[in-house]
Amino acid sequence: MAAQRGKDLLLKIERAPGVFTTVAGLRARTLALNARSVDATDGDSAGRWRELLDGAGVKSAAVVGQGIFRDAASDALIREAFFDQTARRWRLIVPDFGVLEGPFLVAALEYAGTHEGEATFAMSLASAGEITFEVL
């Protein structure tokens, strides 16, 4: 796989069933996929080596983004999702990798700005259900 441009990673929110819109002009994005392991080691484990139970751990995904809002509508969608604390469907498109989609909660939302610069925001999304993955 060749080097990729970070700006090509897209974050979208579902605004109507099956209709996704890019939420903001993100300048930095991070996707973290995690799976906790379940230790199944016991006194009979070979050589006292740790044994992990296949498929028993909890999986999660987290997305962090920073940037500027594209328009008032995308700002309103994110703000509404945060204040309602309802899981909304999000889509994260990672070029040459795939598309992750599923319910996420807006876990954190921050606004910032400098005297001679634009207003910016930062947000964190936490998975709130099954996340699907489709290879591009």
N, C-alpha and C. Protein backbone atom coordinates (compact mmCIF):
# COMPACT_ATOMS: atom_id res chain seq x y z
N MET A 1 0.84 -1.17 0.00
CA MET A 1 0.00 0.00 0.00
C MET A 1 0.89 1.23 0.00
N ALA A 2 0.60 2.17 -0.86
CA ALA A 2 1.37 3.41 -0.96
C ALA A 2 0.96 4.38 0.16
N ALA A 3 1.78 5.39 0.38
CA ALA A 3 1.45 6.42 1.36
C ALA A 3 0.13 7.09 0.99
N GLN A 4 -0.62 7.49 1.99
CA GLN A 4 -1.93 8.10 1.76
C GLN A 4 -1.98 9.49 2.38
N ARG A 5 -2.83 10.33 1.83
CA ARG A 5 -3.04 11.66 2.39
C ARG A 5 -4.03 11.56 3.54
N GLY A 6 -3.67 12.14 4.68
CA GLY A 6 -4.55 12.13 5.83
C GLY A 6 -5.87 12.82 5.59
N LYS A 7 -5.87 13.82 4.70
CA LYS A 7 -7.10 14.55 4.45
C LYS A 7 -8.15 13.73 3.71
N ASP A 8 -7.77 12.58 3.18
CA ASP A 8 -8.71 11.74 2.46
C ASP A 8 -9.56 10.87 3.39
N LEU A 9 -9.23 10.83 4.67
CA LEU A 9 -10.02 10.09 5.64
C LEU A 9 -11.26 10.91 5.94
N LEU A 10 -12.46 10.36 5.70
CA LEU A 10 -13.70 11.10 5.85
C LEU A 10 -14.53 10.59 7.01
N LEU A 11 -15.15 11.51 7.72
CA LEU A 11 -16.06 11.20 8.82
C LEU A 11 -17.43 11.74 8.46
N LYS A 12 -18.42 10.85 8.47
CA LYS A 12 -19.78 11.24 8.07
C LYS A 12 -20.77 10.81 9.14
N ILE A 13 -21.87 11.56 9.25
CA ILE A 13 -22.94 11.23 10.18
C ILE A 13 -24.22 11.02 9.39
N GLU A 14 -25.05 10.10 9.85
CA GLU A 14 -26.32 9.84 9.18
C GLU A 14 -27.33 10.92 9.57
N ARG A 15 -27.82 11.67 8.59
CA ARG A 15 -28.78 12.74 8.87
C ARG A 15 -30.21 12.30 8.58
N ALA A 16 -30.36 11.27 7.77
CA ALA A 16 -31.65 10.64 7.46
C ALA A 16 -31.32 9.18 7.17
N PRO A 17 -32.26 8.26 7.31
CA PRO A 17 -31.96 6.85 7.09
C PRO A 17 -31.23 6.60 5.76
N GLY A 18 -29.99 6.10 5.87
CA GLY A 18 -29.19 5.78 4.69
C GLY A 18 -28.53 6.97 4.01
N VAL A 19 -28.72 8.18 4.54
CA VAL A 19 -28.15 9.39 3.95
C VAL A 19 -27.10 9.96 4.90
N PHE A 20 -25.85 9.93 4.46
CA PHE A 20 -24.74 10.40 5.29
C PHE A 20 -24.19 11.70 4.73
N THR A 21 -23.74 12.58 5.63
CA THR A 21 -23.14 13.82 5.21
C THR A 21 -21.82 14.02 5.96
N THR A 22 -20.83 14.55 5.24
CA THR A 22 -19.55 14.85 5.87
C THR A 22 -19.80 15.93 6.90
N VAL A 23 -19.34 15.71 8.14
CA VAL A 23 -19.73 16.60 9.23
C VAL A 23 -18.88 17.84 9.35
N ALA A 24 -17.64 17.80 8.95
CA ALA A 24 -16.79 18.95 9.20
C ALA A 24 -15.53 18.86 8.38
N GLY A 25 -14.81 19.97 8.34
CA GLY A 25 -13.51 19.98 7.70
C GLY A 25 -12.48 19.54 8.73
N LEU A 26 -12.30 18.25 8.86
CA LEU A 26 -11.38 17.73 9.87
C LEU A 26 -9.94 17.87 9.39
N ARG A 27 -9.11 18.43 10.25
CA ARG A 27 -7.70 18.61 9.92
C ARG A 27 -6.85 17.51 10.55
N ALA A 28 -7.39 16.87 11.55
CA ALA A 28 -6.68 15.75 12.19
C ALA A 28 -7.72 14.72 12.61
N ARG A 29 -7.43 13.47 12.37
CA ARG A 29 -8.36 12.39 12.71
C ARG A 29 -7.57 11.20 13.21
N THR A 30 -8.16 10.50 14.15
CA THR A 30 -7.55 9.28 14.66
C THR A 30 -8.65 8.24 14.84
N LEU A 31 -8.38 7.03 14.41
CA LEU A 31 -9.28 5.90 14.61
C LEU A 31 -8.53 4.87 15.43
N ALA A 32 -9.14 4.43 16.52
CA ALA A 32 -8.53 3.39 17.35
C ALA A 32 -9.51 2.22 17.48
N LEU A 33 -9.05 1.04 17.12
CA LEU A 33 -9.83 -0.19 17.27
C LEU A 33 -9.20 -0.98 18.40
N ASN A 34 -10.02 -1.42 19.34
CA ASN A 34 -9.50 -2.13 20.51
C ASN A 34 -10.27 -3.41 20.74
N ALA A 35 -9.59 -4.39 21.32
CA ALA A 35 -10.23 -5.64 21.73
C ALA A 35 -9.57 -6.09 23.03
N ARG A 36 -10.36 -6.15 24.07
CA ARG A 36 -9.83 -6.64 25.34
C ARG A 36 -9.74 -8.16 25.29
N SER A 37 -8.75 -8.67 25.94
CA SER A 37 -8.59 -10.13 25.97
C SER A 37 -9.11 -10.68 27.29
N VAL A 38 -9.51 -11.95 27.26
CA VAL A 38 -9.98 -12.64 28.46
C VAL A 38 -8.97 -13.72 28.78
N ASP A 39 -8.36 -13.60 29.94
CA ASP A 39 -7.33 -14.54 30.39
C ASP A 39 -7.99 -15.83 30.86
N ALA A 40 -7.64 -16.95 30.22
CA ALA A 40 -8.20 -18.26 30.56
C ALA A 40 -7.13 -19.19 31.15
N THR A 41 -6.03 -18.60 31.62
CA THR A 41 -4.93 -19.39 32.17
C THR A 41 -5.37 -20.06 33.47
N ASP A 42 -4.94 -21.33 33.64
CA ASP A 42 -5.21 -22.03 34.89
C ASP A 42 -4.01 -22.89 35.25
N GLY A 43 -4.13 -23.65 36.29
CA GLY A 43 -3.02 -24.47 36.77
C GLY A 43 -2.56 -25.51 35.77
N ASP A 44 -3.39 -25.90 34.82
CA ASP A 44 -3.02 -26.89 33.82
C ASP A 44 -2.49 -26.28 32.53
N SER A 45 -2.33 -24.96 32.47
CA SER A 45 -1.82 -24.31 31.26
C SER A 45 -0.39 -24.74 31.02
N ALA A 46 -0.09 -25.13 29.78
CA ALA A 46 1.23 -25.64 29.41
C ALA A 46 2.32 -24.64 29.77
N GLY A 47 3.25 -25.08 30.62
CA GLY A 47 4.39 -24.25 31.00
C GLY A 47 4.01 -22.98 31.73
N ARG A 48 2.79 -22.91 32.21
CA ARG A 48 2.27 -21.71 32.90
C ARG A 48 2.22 -20.49 31.98
N TRP A 49 2.12 -20.76 30.68
CA TRP A 49 1.98 -19.67 29.72
C TRP A 49 0.54 -19.18 29.71
N ARG A 50 0.39 -17.92 29.56
CA ARG A 50 -0.94 -17.33 29.53
C ARG A 50 -1.72 -17.89 28.35
N GLU A 51 -2.99 -18.15 28.58
CA GLU A 51 -3.91 -18.58 27.54
C GLU A 51 -5.04 -17.56 27.46
N LEU A 52 -5.39 -17.21 26.24
CA LEU A 52 -6.47 -16.25 26.04
C LEU A 52 -7.65 -16.95 25.40
N LEU A 53 -8.84 -16.58 25.83
CA LEU A 53 -10.06 -17.19 25.34
C LEU A 53 -10.45 -16.53 24.02
N ASP A 54 -10.49 -17.31 22.95
CA ASP A 54 -10.83 -16.79 21.62
C ASP A 54 -12.22 -16.16 21.61
N GLY A 55 -12.30 -14.99 21.02
CA GLY A 55 -13.59 -14.35 20.75
C GLY A 55 -14.38 -13.89 21.96
N ALA A 56 -13.78 -13.86 23.14
CA ALA A 56 -14.54 -13.52 24.34
C ALA A 56 -14.37 -12.07 24.77
N GLY A 57 -13.44 -11.37 24.20
CA GLY A 57 -13.17 -9.99 24.63
C GLY A 57 -14.18 -9.00 24.08
N VAL A 58 -14.18 -7.83 24.68
CA VAL A 58 -15.06 -6.74 24.25
C VAL A 58 -14.32 -5.89 23.22
N LYS A 59 -14.97 -5.66 22.07
CA LYS A 59 -14.37 -4.83 21.02
C LYS A 59 -14.95 -3.43 21.12
N SER A 60 -14.12 -2.45 20.77
CA SER A 60 -14.59 -1.07 20.75
C SER A 60 -13.83 -0.28 19.70
N ALA A 61 -14.44 0.83 19.32
CA ALA A 61 -13.80 1.74 18.37
C ALA A 61 -13.94 3.16 18.93
N ALA A 62 -12.92 3.96 18.69
CA ALA A 62 -12.95 5.35 19.12
C ALA A 62 -12.42 6.21 17.98
N VAL A 63 -13.05 7.34 17.78
CA VAL A 63 -12.63 8.28 16.75
C VAL A 63 -12.42 9.63 17.41
N VAL A 64 -11.32 10.27 17.09
CA VAL A 64 -11.03 11.62 17.58
C VAL A 64 -10.78 12.49 16.37
N GLY A 65 -11.38 13.66 16.34
CA GLY A 65 -11.19 14.57 15.22
C GLY A 65 -11.08 16.01 15.67
N GLN A 66 -10.33 16.78 14.90
CA GLN A 66 -10.17 18.21 15.17
C GLN A 66 -10.27 18.94 13.85
N GLY A 67 -10.89 20.12 13.86
CA GLY A 67 -10.97 20.88 12.63
C GLY A 67 -11.89 22.06 12.74
N ILE A 68 -12.51 22.40 11.61
CA ILE A 68 -13.47 23.49 11.55
C ILE A 68 -14.77 22.96 10.95
N PHE A 69 -15.89 23.54 11.38
CA PHE A 69 -17.16 23.11 10.82
C PHE A 69 -17.32 23.63 9.41
N ARG A 70 -17.88 22.83 8.54
CA ARG A 70 -18.10 23.21 7.14
C ARG A 70 -19.24 24.20 7.01
N ASP A 71 -20.27 24.00 7.84
CA ASP A 71 -21.46 24.83 7.76
C ASP A 71 -22.26 24.68 9.04
N ALA A 72 -23.31 25.50 9.18
CA ALA A 72 -24.13 25.47 10.38
C ALA A 72 -24.86 24.14 10.54
N ALA A 73 -25.21 23.50 9.43
CA ALA A 73 -25.95 22.23 9.50
C ALA A 73 -25.10 21.13 10.11
N SER A 74 -23.83 21.03 9.71
CA SER A 74 -22.98 19.98 10.29
C SER A 74 -22.69 20.26 11.76
N ASP A 75 -22.52 21.53 12.10
CA ASP A 75 -22.33 21.92 13.50
C ASP A 75 -23.55 21.49 14.31
N ALA A 76 -24.74 21.75 13.79
CA ALA A 76 -25.98 21.41 14.50
C ALA A 76 -26.13 19.91 14.69
N LEU A 77 -25.76 19.10 13.67
CA LEU A 77 -25.87 17.64 13.79
C LEU A 77 -25.00 17.11 14.93
N ILE A 78 -23.77 17.59 15.00
CA ILE A 78 -22.86 17.11 16.05
C ILE A 78 -23.30 17.61 17.42
N ARG A 79 -23.66 18.87 17.49
CA ARG A 79 -24.10 19.45 18.76
C ARG A 79 -25.35 18.72 19.28
N GLU A 80 -26.30 18.46 18.39
CA GLU A 80 -27.53 17.74 18.76
C GLU A 80 -27.20 16.34 19.26
N ALA A 81 -26.30 15.65 18.55
CA ALA A 81 -25.92 14.29 18.97
C ALA A 81 -25.27 14.31 20.35
N PHE A 82 -24.47 15.34 20.62
CA PHE A 82 -23.83 15.43 21.94
C PHE A 82 -24.86 15.69 23.03
N PHE A 83 -25.69 16.72 22.88
CA PHE A 83 -26.62 17.08 23.94
C PHE A 83 -27.71 16.03 24.15
N ASP A 84 -28.13 15.35 23.09
CA ASP A 84 -29.12 14.28 23.23
C ASP A 84 -28.51 13.01 23.82
N GLN A 85 -27.19 12.84 23.63
CA GLN A 85 -26.49 11.63 24.04
C GLN A 85 -27.18 10.38 23.51
N THR A 86 -27.58 10.46 22.26
CA THR A 86 -28.15 9.30 21.58
C THR A 86 -27.11 8.78 20.59
N ALA A 87 -27.08 7.49 20.45
CA ALA A 87 -26.15 6.89 19.49
C ALA A 87 -26.67 7.19 18.08
N ARG A 88 -25.82 7.77 17.27
CA ARG A 88 -26.13 8.06 15.88
C ARG A 88 -25.23 7.19 15.01
N ARG A 89 -25.69 6.89 13.81
CA ARG A 89 -24.86 6.11 12.87
C ARG A 89 -23.83 7.03 12.26
N TRP A 90 -22.59 6.58 12.27
CA TRP A 90 -21.47 7.31 11.69
C TRP A 90 -20.78 6.41 10.69
N ARG A 91 -20.13 7.01 9.73
CA ARG A 91 -19.38 6.27 8.72
C ARG A 91 -17.99 6.89 8.64
N LEU A 92 -16.97 6.06 8.74
CA LEU A 92 -15.58 6.51 8.63
C LEU A 92 -14.98 5.81 7.43
N ILE A 93 -14.56 6.61 6.45
CA ILE A 93 -13.99 6.08 5.22
C ILE A 93 -12.48 6.27 5.26
N VAL A 94 -11.76 5.14 5.21
CA VAL A 94 -10.30 5.15 5.23
C VAL A 94 -9.84 4.67 3.86
N PRO A 95 -9.30 5.56 3.02
CA PRO A 95 -8.91 5.17 1.66
C PRO A 95 -7.95 3.98 1.65
N ASP A 96 -8.12 3.11 0.68
CA ASP A 96 -7.30 1.91 0.50
C ASP A 96 -7.36 0.96 1.69
N PHE A 97 -8.32 1.14 2.59
CA PHE A 97 -8.47 0.26 3.75
C PHE A 97 -9.90 -0.24 3.80
N GLY A 98 -10.84 0.67 4.04
CA GLY A 98 -12.22 0.25 4.10
C GLY A 98 -13.13 1.29 4.72
N VAL A 99 -14.36 0.87 4.96
CA VAL A 99 -15.38 1.74 5.54
C VAL A 99 -15.87 1.09 6.83
N LEU A 100 -15.79 1.84 7.91
CA LEU A 100 -16.34 1.40 9.19
C LEU A 100 -17.63 2.17 9.41
N GLU A 101 -18.66 1.47 9.86
CA GLU A 101 -19.95 2.12 10.06
C GLU A 101 -20.65 1.52 11.26
N GLY A 102 -21.32 2.37 12.02
CA GLY A 102 -22.09 1.89 13.14
C GLY A 102 -22.45 3.01 14.09
N PRO A 103 -23.09 2.65 15.20
CA PRO A 103 -23.53 3.66 16.16
C PRO A 103 -22.37 4.15 17.05
N PHE A 104 -22.31 5.45 17.22
CA PHE A 104 -21.31 6.07 18.09
C PHE A 104 -22.00 7.15 18.92
N LEU A 105 -21.50 7.37 20.11
CA LEU A 105 -21.90 8.50 20.95
C LEU A 105 -20.83 9.57 20.83
N VAL A 106 -21.25 10.83 20.84
CA VAL A 106 -20.28 11.92 20.92
C VAL A 106 -19.89 12.01 22.39
N ALA A 107 -18.70 11.51 22.72
CA ALA A 107 -18.24 11.43 24.11
C ALA A 107 -17.66 12.75 24.60
N ALA A 108 -17.12 13.56 23.68
CA ALA A 108 -16.56 14.86 24.06
C ALA A 108 -16.69 15.81 22.88
N LEU A 109 -16.94 17.06 23.18
CA LEU A 109 -17.06 18.10 22.16
C LEU A 109 -16.46 19.37 22.73
N GLU A 110 -15.45 19.90 22.06
CA GLU A 110 -14.76 21.10 22.53
C GLU A 110 -14.73 22.14 21.42
N TYR A 111 -14.89 23.38 21.81
CA TYR A 111 -14.78 24.50 20.88
C TYR A 111 -13.61 25.37 21.32
N ALA A 112 -12.87 25.93 20.37
CA ALA A 112 -11.74 26.79 20.69
C ALA A 112 -11.56 27.82 19.59
N GLY A 113 -10.75 28.82 19.87
CA GLY A 113 -10.47 29.83 18.87
C GLY A 113 -9.44 30.81 19.38
N THR A 114 -8.75 31.43 18.46
CA THR A 114 -7.79 32.46 18.81
C THR A 114 -8.31 33.80 18.31
N HIS A 115 -7.76 34.84 18.84
CA HIS A 115 -8.22 36.19 18.51
C HIS A 115 -8.18 36.47 17.02
N GLU A 116 -7.14 36.03 16.34
CA GLU A 116 -7.00 36.31 14.92
C GLU A 116 -7.12 35.06 14.05
N GLY A 117 -7.81 34.05 14.55
CA GLY A 117 -7.96 32.82 13.79
C GLY A 117 -9.41 32.37 13.77
N GLU A 118 -9.65 31.26 13.10
CA GLU A 118 -11.00 30.72 13.00
C GLU A 118 -11.35 29.94 14.25
N ALA A 119 -12.66 29.75 14.45
CA ALA A 119 -13.14 28.90 15.53
C ALA A 119 -12.90 27.45 15.12
N THR A 120 -12.44 26.64 16.05
CA THR A 120 -12.18 25.24 15.79
C THR A 120 -12.94 24.38 16.78
N PHE A 121 -12.95 23.10 16.54
CA PHE A 121 -13.59 22.17 17.46
C PHE A 121 -12.77 20.89 17.52
N ALA A 122 -13.01 20.14 18.57
CA ALA A 122 -12.45 18.79 18.71
C ALA A 122 -13.57 17.92 19.27
N MET A 123 -13.62 16.68 18.81
CA MET A 123 -14.64 15.77 19.31
C MET A 123 -14.09 14.36 19.41
N SER A 124 -14.71 13.60 20.29
CA SER A 124 -14.38 12.19 20.46
C SER A 124 -15.65 11.39 20.32
N LEU A 125 -15.58 10.31 19.56
CA LEU A 125 -16.70 9.41 19.39
C LEU A 125 -16.35 8.07 20.02
N ALA A 126 -17.31 7.46 20.69
CA ALA A 126 -17.13 6.14 21.29
C ALA A 126 -18.17 5.19 20.71
N SER A 127 -17.74 4.02 20.27
CA SER A 127 -18.67 3.07 19.68
C SER A 127 -19.73 2.68 20.70
N ALA A 128 -20.97 2.50 20.19
CA ALA A 128 -22.10 2.20 21.06
C ALA A 128 -22.90 1.01 20.53
N GLY A 129 -22.21 0.11 19.86
CA GLY A 129 -22.87 -1.05 19.28
C GLY A 129 -21.95 -1.68 18.26
N GLU A 130 -22.51 -2.58 17.45
CA GLU A 130 -21.70 -3.30 16.46
C GLU A 130 -21.23 -2.37 15.35
N ILE A 131 -19.95 -2.43 15.05
CA ILE A 131 -19.34 -1.67 13.98
C ILE A 131 -19.06 -2.64 12.83
N THR A 132 -19.55 -2.28 11.65
CA THR A 132 -19.30 -3.13 10.48
C THR A 132 -18.10 -2.60 9.72
N PHE A 133 -17.47 -3.48 8.97
CA PHE A 133 -16.31 -3.11 8.17
C PHE A 133 -16.50 -3.66 6.77
N GLU A 134 -16.28 -2.79 5.79
CA GLU A 134 -16.35 -3.19 4.37
C GLU A 134 -15.04 -2.78 3.70
N VAL A 135 -14.40 -3.72 3.03
CA VAL A 135 -13.15 -3.44 2.34
C VAL A 135 -13.45 -2.62 1.10
N LEU A 136 -12.63 -1.60 0.85
CA LEU A 136 -12.79 -0.79 -0.38
C LEU A 136 -12.13 -1.48 -1.54
